[in-house]
Amino acid sequence: MKITINRLCLFSAFLFPAIVIYAHPLKSKIQLQFITSGNYNQSELCADDTTSKTKVELYNAGMNAFKNSDYQQSLEYFRTYKQNFPNEIYGYYWCMRNAINIDTGMHKGLAIDDALKFISLAEKDREKMKAMLIFVYQYLEEYYSKINVDREKSKYYHKKLKQIDPGNKDAEQKVEGMLS
């Protein structure tokens, strides 16, 4: 793992014969352990942490983890993204996508809150977010028709799906099955 320290609160490190650096990819600080004649003194450094990363850095780190199927790590990056940039849709969308991969049976409903928040933000620009909205509406329709059975919510998301994608043949077949 490559560690880049942009800001560092230097201690009198030169007094110690050995310095060991520990870093966890999801933690916000890097720990230094000063080793002096068998005794361990631990101090934390003011290191460049995930909360000071830019949108692009967090997004890229999250996407790299997602592409490598490390959904838990990707989820952590996108949680930080949505915490730092709460009005941006990508944090919610990718938290939802990671939660879907973690909760593959949908039984825990891990993706629902992020899906709903994503919709509330993405509805403002439906044309630009069309593909993502289609995915989210299909997910919610399936969740409410199979797992947390609520026919009204399932029909609501089906209606939203048909509004944004009227030519969706799969959605039409699903609704026929729901109504019969």
N, C-alpha and C. Protein backbone atom coordinates (compact mmCIF):
# COMPACT_ATOMS: atom_id res chain seq x y z
N MET A 1 0.85 -1.17 0.00
CA MET A 1 0.00 0.00 0.00
C MET A 1 0.90 1.23 0.00
N LYS A 2 0.60 2.17 -0.85
CA LYS A 2 1.36 3.42 -0.92
C LYS A 2 0.72 4.41 0.03
N ILE A 3 1.51 5.02 0.88
CA ILE A 3 1.01 6.00 1.84
C ILE A 3 1.62 7.34 1.49
N THR A 4 0.77 8.32 1.29
CA THR A 4 1.25 9.66 1.04
C THR A 4 0.79 10.53 2.20
N ILE A 5 1.73 11.18 2.84
CA ILE A 5 1.40 12.05 3.96
C ILE A 5 1.60 13.48 3.47
N ASN A 6 0.50 14.20 3.37
CA ASN A 6 0.57 15.57 2.89
C ASN A 6 0.83 16.56 4.02
N ARG A 7 0.19 16.33 5.17
CA ARG A 7 0.40 17.20 6.32
C ARG A 7 0.90 16.31 7.44
N LEU A 8 1.84 16.78 8.17
CA LEU A 8 2.41 15.95 9.21
C LEU A 8 2.78 16.81 10.40
N CYS A 9 2.24 16.48 11.56
CA CYS A 9 2.65 17.15 12.78
C CYS A 9 3.87 16.40 13.28
N LEU A 10 5.00 16.95 13.10
CA LEU A 10 6.24 16.26 13.43
C LEU A 10 6.50 16.31 14.93
N PHE A 11 6.87 15.19 15.43
CA PHE A 11 7.28 15.08 16.82
C PHE A 11 8.79 14.94 16.80
N SER A 12 9.36 14.86 17.89
CA SER A 12 10.82 14.72 17.95
C SER A 12 11.21 13.30 17.56
N ALA A 13 10.90 12.94 16.36
CA ALA A 13 11.12 11.58 15.87
C ALA A 13 12.60 11.23 15.80
N PHE A 14 13.42 12.23 15.60
CA PHE A 14 14.84 11.94 15.46
C PHE A 14 15.44 11.41 16.75
N LEU A 15 14.74 11.55 17.86
CA LEU A 15 15.24 11.05 19.13
C LEU A 15 15.05 9.54 19.28
N PHE A 16 14.21 8.99 18.43
CA PHE A 16 13.86 7.57 18.56
C PHE A 16 14.61 6.76 17.51
N PRO A 17 15.12 5.60 17.91
CA PRO A 17 15.89 4.79 16.97
C PRO A 17 15.07 4.16 15.85
N ALA A 18 13.76 3.95 16.03
CA ALA A 18 12.95 3.31 14.99
C ALA A 18 11.55 3.90 14.99
N ILE A 19 11.01 4.05 13.82
CA ILE A 19 9.64 4.54 13.67
C ILE A 19 8.90 3.55 12.77
N VAL A 20 7.74 3.14 13.20
CA VAL A 20 6.91 2.24 12.40
C VAL A 20 5.63 2.98 12.07
N ILE A 21 5.24 2.97 10.80
CA ILE A 21 4.00 3.65 10.37
C ILE A 21 2.95 2.59 10.11
N TYR A 22 1.78 2.79 10.71
CA TYR A 22 0.63 1.92 10.49
C TYR A 22 -0.45 2.73 9.81
N ALA A 23 -1.06 2.18 8.79
CA ALA A 23 -2.15 2.88 8.13
C ALA A 23 -3.25 1.88 7.82
N HIS A 24 -4.45 2.29 8.04
CA HIS A 24 -5.61 1.48 7.66
C HIS A 24 -6.31 2.25 6.55
N PRO A 25 -6.67 1.60 5.44
CA PRO A 25 -7.21 2.33 4.31
C PRO A 25 -8.53 3.06 4.60
N LEU A 26 -9.27 2.63 5.62
CA LEU A 26 -10.56 3.27 5.89
C LEU A 26 -10.50 4.20 7.08
N LYS A 27 -9.42 4.19 7.83
CA LYS A 27 -9.31 5.07 8.99
C LYS A 27 -8.84 6.44 8.54
N SER A 28 -9.16 7.43 9.34
CA SER A 28 -8.86 8.78 8.92
C SER A 28 -7.48 9.25 9.37
N LYS A 29 -6.80 8.49 10.19
CA LYS A 29 -5.49 8.93 10.65
C LYS A 29 -4.47 7.81 10.50
N ILE A 30 -3.24 8.22 10.39
CA ILE A 30 -2.13 7.27 10.33
C ILE A 30 -1.49 7.27 11.72
N GLN A 31 -1.16 6.10 12.21
CA GLN A 31 -0.53 6.01 13.52
C GLN A 31 0.96 5.77 13.36
N LEU A 32 1.70 6.46 14.15
CA LEU A 32 3.14 6.22 14.23
C LEU A 32 3.40 5.50 15.54
N GLN A 33 4.27 4.57 15.50
CA GLN A 33 4.67 3.91 16.73
C GLN A 33 6.17 4.13 16.87
N PHE A 34 6.53 4.80 17.92
CA PHE A 34 7.94 5.05 18.18
C PHE A 34 8.45 3.92 19.05
N ILE A 35 9.49 3.28 18.62
CA ILE A 35 10.03 2.15 19.36
C ILE A 35 11.32 2.59 20.04
N THR A 36 11.30 2.53 21.34
CA THR A 36 12.49 2.92 22.11
C THR A 36 12.79 1.84 23.14
N SER A 37 13.88 1.18 22.97
CA SER A 37 14.37 0.14 23.89
C SER A 37 13.25 -0.74 24.46
N GLY A 38 12.44 -1.28 23.57
CA GLY A 38 11.40 -2.20 24.00
C GLY A 38 10.11 -1.55 24.44
N ASN A 39 10.10 -0.26 24.69
CA ASN A 39 8.87 0.43 25.09
C ASN A 39 8.19 1.01 23.86
N TYR A 40 6.88 1.02 23.85
CA TYR A 40 6.14 1.54 22.71
C TYR A 40 5.42 2.80 23.12
N ASN A 41 5.68 3.86 22.42
CA ASN A 41 4.96 5.12 22.57
C ASN A 41 4.14 5.32 21.31
N GLN A 42 2.83 5.41 21.42
CA GLN A 42 2.01 5.61 20.22
C GLN A 42 1.56 7.06 20.17
N SER A 43 1.65 7.64 18.99
CA SER A 43 1.17 8.99 18.76
C SER A 43 0.45 9.01 17.44
N GLU A 44 -0.52 9.88 17.32
CA GLU A 44 -1.23 10.00 16.06
C GLU A 44 -0.71 11.20 15.29
N LEU A 45 -0.66 11.05 14.01
CA LEU A 45 -0.21 12.13 13.14
C LEU A 45 -1.40 12.86 12.57
N CYS A 46 -1.21 14.12 12.27
CA CYS A 46 -2.21 14.87 11.53
C CYS A 46 -1.95 14.56 10.07
N ALA A 47 -2.58 13.53 9.56
CA ALA A 47 -2.31 13.06 8.19
C ALA A 47 -3.47 13.43 7.29
N ASP A 48 -3.22 13.37 6.01
CA ASP A 48 -4.27 13.62 5.04
C ASP A 48 -5.28 12.49 5.15
N ASP A 49 -6.47 12.78 5.64
CA ASP A 49 -7.46 11.75 5.87
C ASP A 49 -8.56 11.81 4.81
N THR A 50 -9.48 10.85 4.89
CA THR A 50 -10.53 10.77 3.86
C THR A 50 -11.48 11.96 3.90
N THR A 51 -11.61 12.63 5.04
CA THR A 51 -12.54 13.76 5.10
C THR A 51 -12.02 14.98 4.35
N SER A 52 -10.70 15.03 4.09
CA SER A 52 -10.16 16.17 3.37
C SER A 52 -9.95 15.88 1.89
N LYS A 53 -10.34 14.71 1.46
CA LYS A 53 -10.19 14.37 0.04
C LYS A 53 -11.26 15.10 -0.78
N THR A 54 -10.94 15.33 -2.03
CA THR A 54 -11.88 15.99 -2.92
C THR A 54 -12.93 15.00 -3.39
N LYS A 55 -13.96 15.52 -4.02
CA LYS A 55 -15.01 14.67 -4.59
C LYS A 55 -14.42 13.64 -5.54
N VAL A 56 -13.54 14.09 -6.39
CA VAL A 56 -12.96 13.21 -7.40
C VAL A 56 -12.12 12.12 -6.75
N GLU A 57 -11.32 12.46 -5.76
CA GLU A 57 -10.49 11.46 -5.08
C GLU A 57 -11.34 10.40 -4.39
N LEU A 58 -12.38 10.83 -3.68
CA LEU A 58 -13.27 9.88 -3.00
C LEU A 58 -14.03 9.02 -4.01
N TYR A 59 -14.53 9.66 -5.06
CA TYR A 59 -15.27 8.92 -6.08
C TYR A 59 -14.38 7.87 -6.74
N ASN A 60 -13.19 8.26 -7.13
CA ASN A 60 -12.26 7.33 -7.79
C ASN A 60 -11.86 6.19 -6.85
N ALA A 61 -11.59 6.50 -5.59
CA ALA A 61 -11.23 5.45 -4.63
C ALA A 61 -12.40 4.49 -4.44
N GLY A 62 -13.60 5.03 -4.33
CA GLY A 62 -14.79 4.18 -4.17
C GLY A 62 -15.05 3.33 -5.40
N MET A 63 -14.89 3.90 -6.57
CA MET A 63 -15.12 3.15 -7.80
C MET A 63 -14.07 2.06 -8.00
N ASN A 64 -12.82 2.36 -7.66
CA ASN A 64 -11.77 1.34 -7.77
C ASN A 64 -12.08 0.15 -6.86
N ALA A 65 -12.51 0.44 -5.64
CA ALA A 65 -12.87 -0.64 -4.72
C ALA A 65 -14.08 -1.41 -5.25
N PHE A 66 -15.06 -0.69 -5.80
CA PHE A 66 -16.26 -1.34 -6.36
C PHE A 66 -15.89 -2.25 -7.52
N LYS A 67 -15.04 -1.77 -8.41
CA LYS A 67 -14.62 -2.56 -9.56
C LYS A 67 -13.83 -3.80 -9.15
N ASN A 68 -13.17 -3.72 -8.00
CA ASN A 68 -12.42 -4.86 -7.47
C ASN A 68 -13.28 -5.73 -6.55
N SER A 69 -14.58 -5.49 -6.55
CA SER A 69 -15.55 -6.24 -5.74
C SER A 69 -15.30 -6.12 -4.24
N ASP A 70 -14.65 -5.05 -3.82
CA ASP A 70 -14.45 -4.79 -2.39
C ASP A 70 -15.55 -3.81 -1.97
N TYR A 71 -16.76 -4.35 -1.85
CA TYR A 71 -17.94 -3.52 -1.64
C TYR A 71 -17.95 -2.82 -0.29
N GLN A 72 -17.39 -3.46 0.72
CA GLN A 72 -17.37 -2.82 2.05
C GLN A 72 -16.46 -1.60 2.04
N GLN A 73 -15.29 -1.72 1.42
CA GLN A 73 -14.38 -0.57 1.35
C GLN A 73 -14.98 0.52 0.47
N SER A 74 -15.57 0.14 -0.64
CA SER A 74 -16.22 1.11 -1.51
C SER A 74 -17.33 1.84 -0.77
N LEU A 75 -18.10 1.09 0.01
CA LEU A 75 -19.18 1.68 0.80
C LEU A 75 -18.64 2.73 1.75
N GLU A 76 -17.50 2.46 2.38
CA GLU A 76 -16.91 3.43 3.31
C GLU A 76 -16.50 4.72 2.58
N TYR A 77 -15.90 4.56 1.41
CA TYR A 77 -15.52 5.76 0.65
C TYR A 77 -16.75 6.58 0.27
N PHE A 78 -17.80 5.91 -0.19
CA PHE A 78 -18.99 6.65 -0.60
C PHE A 78 -19.80 7.18 0.58
N ARG A 79 -19.69 6.56 1.74
CA ARG A 79 -20.31 7.14 2.94
C ARG A 79 -19.62 8.46 3.27
N THR A 80 -18.30 8.47 3.18
CA THR A 80 -17.55 9.71 3.42
C THR A 80 -17.92 10.74 2.36
N TYR A 81 -18.06 10.30 1.11
CA TYR A 81 -18.46 11.18 0.02
C TYR A 81 -19.79 11.85 0.33
N LYS A 82 -20.79 11.06 0.71
CA LYS A 82 -22.11 11.66 0.95
C LYS A 82 -22.12 12.50 2.23
N GLN A 83 -21.27 12.18 3.19
CA GLN A 83 -21.16 13.00 4.40
C GLN A 83 -20.54 14.36 4.06
N ASN A 84 -19.51 14.35 3.22
CA ASN A 84 -18.83 15.59 2.86
C ASN A 84 -19.59 16.40 1.81
N PHE A 85 -20.35 15.71 0.97
CA PHE A 85 -21.06 16.38 -0.12
C PHE A 85 -22.51 15.90 -0.13
N PRO A 86 -23.31 16.32 0.86
CA PRO A 86 -24.66 15.76 1.04
C PRO A 86 -25.64 16.11 -0.07
N ASN A 87 -25.36 17.07 -0.89
CA ASN A 87 -26.28 17.44 -1.97
C ASN A 87 -25.89 16.83 -3.31
N GLU A 88 -24.90 15.96 -3.30
CA GLU A 88 -24.44 15.28 -4.51
C GLU A 88 -25.06 13.89 -4.58
N ILE A 89 -25.54 13.50 -5.74
CA ILE A 89 -26.25 12.23 -5.88
C ILE A 89 -25.36 11.00 -5.85
N TYR A 90 -24.11 11.13 -6.27
CA TYR A 90 -23.28 9.95 -6.47
C TYR A 90 -22.98 9.19 -5.19
N GLY A 91 -22.83 9.88 -4.08
CA GLY A 91 -22.61 9.20 -2.81
C GLY A 91 -23.76 8.28 -2.45
N TYR A 92 -24.98 8.77 -2.63
CA TYR A 92 -26.16 7.96 -2.31
C TYR A 92 -26.33 6.81 -3.29
N TYR A 93 -26.12 7.09 -4.56
CA TYR A 93 -26.29 6.04 -5.58
C TYR A 93 -25.30 4.90 -5.35
N TRP A 94 -24.03 5.25 -5.15
CA TRP A 94 -23.04 4.20 -5.02
C TRP A 94 -23.06 3.53 -3.65
N CYS A 95 -23.53 4.21 -2.62
CA CYS A 95 -23.77 3.52 -1.34
C CYS A 95 -24.87 2.49 -1.55
N MET A 96 -25.91 2.86 -2.30
CA MET A 96 -26.99 1.94 -2.59
C MET A 96 -26.47 0.74 -3.38
N ARG A 97 -25.68 0.99 -4.41
CA ARG A 97 -25.16 -0.10 -5.24
C ARG A 97 -24.27 -1.05 -4.43
N ASN A 98 -23.46 -0.50 -3.55
CA ASN A 98 -22.64 -1.35 -2.68
C ASN A 98 -23.50 -2.15 -1.71
N ALA A 99 -24.51 -1.50 -1.14
CA ALA A 99 -25.41 -2.19 -0.21
C ALA A 99 -26.14 -3.33 -0.92
N ILE A 100 -26.50 -3.14 -2.17
CA ILE A 100 -27.15 -4.20 -2.95
C ILE A 100 -26.21 -5.40 -3.08
N ASN A 101 -24.94 -5.14 -3.30
CA ASN A 101 -23.97 -6.23 -3.43
C ASN A 101 -23.63 -6.89 -2.10
N ILE A 102 -23.78 -6.17 -1.02
CA ILE A 102 -23.53 -6.73 0.31
C ILE A 102 -24.75 -7.52 0.78
N ASP A 103 -25.94 -6.97 0.57
CA ASP A 103 -27.21 -7.60 0.97
C ASP A 103 -27.87 -8.18 -0.27
N THR A 104 -27.29 -9.25 -0.81
CA THR A 104 -27.73 -9.78 -2.10
C THR A 104 -29.16 -10.33 -2.07
N GLY A 105 -29.63 -10.74 -0.92
CA GLY A 105 -31.00 -11.25 -0.82
C GLY A 105 -32.03 -10.18 -0.53
N MET A 106 -31.60 -8.95 -0.36
CA MET A 106 -32.44 -7.79 -0.08
C MET A 106 -33.14 -7.87 1.28
N HIS A 107 -32.87 -8.89 2.08
CA HIS A 107 -33.62 -9.11 3.31
C HIS A 107 -33.37 -8.06 4.38
N LYS A 108 -32.20 -7.45 4.38
CA LYS A 108 -31.89 -6.43 5.38
C LYS A 108 -32.35 -5.05 4.95
N GLY A 109 -32.61 -4.87 3.68
CA GLY A 109 -33.05 -3.58 3.17
C GLY A 109 -31.99 -2.49 3.29
N LEU A 110 -30.73 -2.86 3.19
CA LEU A 110 -29.63 -1.91 3.39
C LEU A 110 -29.61 -0.78 2.37
N ALA A 111 -30.14 -1.01 1.19
CA ALA A 111 -30.04 -0.03 0.11
C ALA A 111 -31.20 0.96 0.09
N ILE A 112 -32.23 0.72 0.85
CA ILE A 112 -33.47 1.50 0.70
C ILE A 112 -33.29 2.98 1.03
N ASP A 113 -32.70 3.32 2.17
CA ASP A 113 -32.56 4.73 2.54
C ASP A 113 -31.77 5.53 1.51
N ASP A 114 -30.66 4.93 1.05
CA ASP A 114 -29.86 5.64 0.04
C ASP A 114 -30.60 5.74 -1.28
N ALA A 115 -31.37 4.71 -1.62
CA ALA A 115 -32.16 4.75 -2.85
C ALA A 115 -33.18 5.88 -2.81
N LEU A 116 -33.85 6.03 -1.68
CA LEU A 116 -34.87 7.08 -1.55
C LEU A 116 -34.24 8.48 -1.58
N LYS A 117 -33.10 8.63 -0.92
CA LYS A 117 -32.42 9.93 -0.93
C LYS A 117 -31.91 10.24 -2.34
N PHE A 118 -31.39 9.22 -3.02
CA PHE A 118 -30.94 9.41 -4.40
C PHE A 118 -32.10 9.91 -5.26
N ILE A 119 -33.25 9.28 -5.15
CA ILE A 119 -34.41 9.67 -5.95
C ILE A 119 -34.78 11.13 -5.67
N SER A 120 -34.78 11.52 -4.40
CA SER A 120 -35.16 12.90 -4.07
C SER A 120 -34.22 13.91 -4.71
N LEU A 121 -32.96 13.56 -4.87
CA LEU A 121 -32.00 14.47 -5.51
C LEU A 121 -32.03 14.34 -7.03
N ALA A 122 -32.16 13.13 -7.53
CA ALA A 122 -32.08 12.89 -8.98
C ALA A 122 -33.33 13.33 -9.73
N GLU A 123 -34.46 13.39 -9.06
CA GLU A 123 -35.71 13.80 -9.71
C GLU A 123 -35.62 15.23 -10.26
N LYS A 124 -34.70 16.01 -9.74
CA LYS A 124 -34.54 17.40 -10.19
C LYS A 124 -34.01 17.48 -11.61
N ASP A 125 -33.31 16.42 -12.05
CA ASP A 125 -32.76 16.38 -13.40
C ASP A 125 -32.97 14.98 -13.97
N ARG A 126 -34.24 14.65 -14.21
CA ARG A 126 -34.63 13.29 -14.61
C ARG A 126 -33.97 12.82 -15.90
N GLU A 127 -33.84 13.69 -16.86
CA GLU A 127 -33.26 13.28 -18.14
C GLU A 127 -31.79 12.89 -17.99
N LYS A 128 -31.06 13.68 -17.25
CA LYS A 128 -29.63 13.40 -17.06
C LYS A 128 -29.44 12.12 -16.23
N MET A 129 -30.31 11.89 -15.28
CA MET A 129 -30.19 10.76 -14.35
C MET A 129 -31.06 9.57 -14.75
N LYS A 130 -31.55 9.57 -15.97
CA LYS A 130 -32.53 8.58 -16.41
C LYS A 130 -32.08 7.14 -16.18
N ALA A 131 -30.90 6.78 -16.62
CA ALA A 131 -30.43 5.39 -16.49
C ALA A 131 -30.33 4.98 -15.02
N MET A 132 -29.82 5.88 -14.20
CA MET A 132 -29.69 5.57 -12.78
C MET A 132 -31.07 5.46 -12.11
N LEU A 133 -31.97 6.35 -12.48
CA LEU A 133 -33.32 6.30 -11.92
C LEU A 133 -34.03 5.01 -12.31
N ILE A 134 -33.86 4.58 -13.55
CA ILE A 134 -34.46 3.32 -14.00
C ILE A 134 -33.98 2.18 -13.11
N PHE A 135 -32.69 2.11 -12.87
CA PHE A 135 -32.12 1.06 -12.03
C PHE A 135 -32.74 1.11 -10.62
N VAL A 136 -32.80 2.30 -10.04
CA VAL A 136 -33.30 2.45 -8.67
C VAL A 136 -34.80 2.12 -8.61
N TYR A 137 -35.58 2.60 -9.57
CA TYR A 137 -37.02 2.29 -9.57
C TYR A 137 -37.24 0.78 -9.71
N GLN A 138 -36.47 0.12 -10.57
CA GLN A 138 -36.61 -1.33 -10.73
C GLN A 138 -36.25 -2.05 -9.42
N TYR A 139 -35.20 -1.60 -8.77
CA TYR A 139 -34.80 -2.21 -7.51
C TYR A 139 -35.90 -2.05 -6.46
N LEU A 140 -36.42 -0.84 -6.31
CA LEU A 140 -37.44 -0.60 -5.30
C LEU A 140 -38.74 -1.34 -5.62
N GLU A 141 -39.08 -1.39 -6.90
CA GLU A 141 -40.28 -2.14 -7.31
C GLU A 141 -40.13 -3.61 -6.91
N GLU A 142 -38.97 -4.18 -7.18
CA GLU A 142 -38.74 -5.58 -6.84
C GLU A 142 -38.71 -5.78 -5.32
N TYR A 143 -38.07 -4.88 -4.61
CA TYR A 143 -37.99 -4.98 -3.15
C TYR A 143 -39.40 -4.97 -2.54
N TYR A 144 -40.23 -4.05 -2.99
CA TYR A 144 -41.57 -3.94 -2.40
C TYR A 144 -42.55 -4.99 -2.93
N SER A 145 -42.22 -5.66 -4.01
CA SER A 145 -43.11 -6.72 -4.49
C SER A 145 -42.71 -8.10 -3.96
N LYS A 146 -41.43 -8.29 -3.60
CA LYS A 146 -40.98 -9.63 -3.20
C LYS A 146 -40.53 -9.74 -1.75
N ILE A 147 -39.90 -8.71 -1.22
CA ILE A 147 -39.29 -8.83 0.11
C ILE A 147 -40.16 -8.17 1.18
N ASN A 148 -40.29 -6.89 1.11
CA ASN A 148 -41.12 -6.14 2.05
C ASN A 148 -42.44 -5.87 1.33
N VAL A 149 -43.26 -6.88 1.25
CA VAL A 149 -44.43 -6.85 0.37
C VAL A 149 -45.36 -5.69 0.72
N ASP A 150 -45.42 -4.78 -0.23
CA ASP A 150 -46.29 -3.61 -0.14
C ASP A 150 -46.71 -3.29 -1.57
N ARG A 151 -47.86 -3.80 -1.95
CA ARG A 151 -48.32 -3.67 -3.34
C ARG A 151 -48.45 -2.22 -3.77
N GLU A 152 -48.87 -1.36 -2.88
CA GLU A 152 -49.03 0.06 -3.24
C GLU A 152 -47.69 0.71 -3.58
N LYS A 153 -46.68 0.45 -2.76
CA LYS A 153 -45.34 1.01 -3.05
C LYS A 153 -44.76 0.39 -4.30
N SER A 154 -44.98 -0.91 -4.49
CA SER A 154 -44.49 -1.58 -5.68
C SER A 154 -45.12 -0.96 -6.93
N LYS A 155 -46.42 -0.74 -6.90
CA LYS A 155 -47.12 -0.12 -8.03
C LYS A 155 -46.65 1.32 -8.24
N TYR A 156 -46.38 2.04 -7.13
CA TYR A 156 -45.90 3.42 -7.22
C TYR A 156 -44.58 3.47 -7.99
N TYR A 157 -43.64 2.59 -7.63
CA TYR A 157 -42.33 2.60 -8.30
C TYR A 157 -42.44 2.07 -9.73
N HIS A 158 -43.38 1.19 -9.95
CA HIS A 158 -43.62 0.73 -11.32
C HIS A 158 -44.13 1.90 -12.17
N LYS A 159 -45.05 2.67 -11.61
CA LYS A 159 -45.58 3.84 -12.32
C LYS A 159 -44.46 4.85 -12.63
N LYS A 160 -43.58 5.07 -11.64
CA LYS A 160 -42.46 5.99 -11.85
C LYS A 160 -41.53 5.46 -12.95
N LEU A 161 -41.34 4.16 -12.96
CA LEU A 161 -40.51 3.52 -13.98
C LEU A 161 -41.13 3.71 -15.36
N LYS A 162 -42.42 3.50 -15.47
CA LYS A 162 -43.10 3.66 -16.76
C LYS A 162 -43.09 5.12 -17.23
N GLN A 163 -43.13 6.06 -16.31
CA GLN A 163 -43.08 7.48 -16.68
C GLN A 163 -41.73 7.82 -17.30
N ILE A 164 -40.69 7.31 -16.72
CA ILE A 164 -39.35 7.66 -17.20
C ILE A 164 -38.91 6.78 -18.36
N ASP A 165 -39.47 5.56 -18.45
CA ASP A 165 -39.09 4.61 -19.49
C ASP A 165 -40.33 3.89 -20.02
N PRO A 166 -41.15 4.60 -20.81
CA PRO A 166 -42.44 4.04 -21.24
C PRO A 166 -42.30 2.79 -22.12
N GLY A 167 -41.19 2.59 -22.77
CA GLY A 167 -41.03 1.45 -23.66
C GLY A 167 -40.45 0.22 -22.98
N ASN A 168 -40.40 0.20 -21.66
CA ASN A 168 -39.78 -0.90 -20.92
C ASN A 168 -40.71 -2.11 -20.92
N LYS A 169 -40.40 -3.09 -21.75
CA LYS A 169 -41.23 -4.31 -21.90
C LYS A 169 -41.18 -5.17 -20.64
N ASP A 170 -40.01 -5.25 -19.99
CA ASP A 170 -39.90 -6.06 -18.77
C ASP A 170 -40.83 -5.52 -17.68
N ALA A 171 -40.89 -4.21 -17.56
CA ALA A 171 -41.75 -3.61 -16.54
C ALA A 171 -43.21 -3.92 -16.84
N GLU A 172 -43.58 -3.91 -18.09
CA GLU A 172 -44.98 -4.19 -18.46
C GLU A 172 -45.35 -5.64 -18.12
N GLN A 173 -44.44 -6.57 -18.35
CA GLN A 173 -44.70 -7.97 -18.02
C GLN A 173 -44.80 -8.17 -16.50
N LYS A 174 -43.98 -7.43 -15.74
CA LYS A 174 -44.03 -7.54 -14.27
C LYS A 174 -45.38 -7.09 -13.74
N VAL A 175 -45.87 -5.98 -14.25
CA VAL A 175 -47.13 -5.46 -13.74
C VAL A 175 -48.30 -6.39 -14.09
N GLU A 176 -48.25 -7.02 -15.26
CA GLU A 176 -49.29 -7.97 -15.61
C GLU A 176 -49.29 -9.12 -14.62
N GLY A 177 -48.11 -9.58 -14.19
CA GLY A 177 -48.00 -10.64 -13.22
C GLY A 177 -48.48 -10.21 -11.84
N MET A 178 -48.26 -8.94 -11.49
CA MET A 178 -48.71 -8.41 -10.20
C MET A 178 -50.22 -8.31 -10.15
N LEU A 179 -50.83 -7.93 -11.26
CA LEU A 179 -52.28 -7.69 -11.28
C LEU A 179 -53.07 -8.98 -11.41
N SER A 180 -52.43 -10.05 -11.88
CA SER A 180 -53.19 -11.29 -12.05
C SER A 180 -53.19 -12.14 -10.81
